[in-house]
Amino acid sequence: MSFRRIHISRCSMLGALVSLATCWAATTSLAESFRIETKIFVGEEKEKEKDRAKEEVVSRTTTLFQNGIVYDFLEKPERTAVFRGPHGGNPGRFILLNAKERAQTEVTTERLVGAMTKLRTWAAQQKDPFLQFAANPRFDETFDREEGKLVLASHLQTYTVETTPTDHQDALAEYRQFLDWYTQLNTLLTTANPPDPRLKLNDAMARHKVFPAKIELQRAGEDPIRAEHVFTWRLSQADVQRIDEVQSALAAFRKVENQEFLRLSEPVPKK
């Protein structure tokens, strides 16, 4: 089931994104600045270090947290997202940027909630066992605090996570909020499966007050997918410059409807 099939508009545009950037900065408390580097691999992890170095990175993301705003830079496929969480009774929002086309569009958390509700209802009515599971997943959860190993297991899908404890509790809460909404945005843009299995994992990590260093997802009959995360508790000068460039893009890029943004972002077929 695609987002187009459930006929929900992905965004409604802001009147002035320059004002939005000013508003965001004014309404956020000084939160801790940090960054996350994420690499995605497909297939079994190699045992030897020299072999691991040769593994192909299928996706790479840099995520920057500054003053309550999150800047997410996806390399494959290229996409930039700016996120501000719900606050003061107002919904949160993602702004998606396409640098090549100098275009931007918006998705609110309210729209994500509505889309995910319809997706769960649809999935629960399907005959496919995995869709039914994803609509209301149940895992057997184990956590070894000494080893930092968290496992959410089921007969259809299992997460195995290497975790690290943290004293950065405010950052943990901010990370959890972003991760939950980003999981739903990613569902909206790229998959027909409800986001609830990953939301269950997000909840488990938050309850145990840990950050993920490595997450392996194993689905029945499929190659495993592995995400490796590196957290750094400061932003570099290059990170800050990158954020400044995004703020300039918010002011300069043309605003388009969601469907137009999707059309512009589609890869050009090879001839």
Foldseek 3Di string as FASTA:
>chain_A
DALVVVPFFQFDDDPALLVVVVVLLVPFDFAFKKKKKKFKFWFDQDPDPVVNVVGDGQWIKMWIDGRQKIWIAIVVVTKIWIWHQDDPNRWIKIWIADVVQLEIGMGTVVSLVVSLVVLLVVLCPDPDVQSVCLSPPQFDWDADVVQQWIWTDDPFKIKIFRWDADPSLRVLVSVLRVVVSVLSVCCNVPHSHRSRVVNVVSVVCNVVRIDTQKMWMDGPPGTIMMMGMDMDRDDDPVRVVVVVVVSVSSRGGYYDTPVVVVVVSDDDDDD
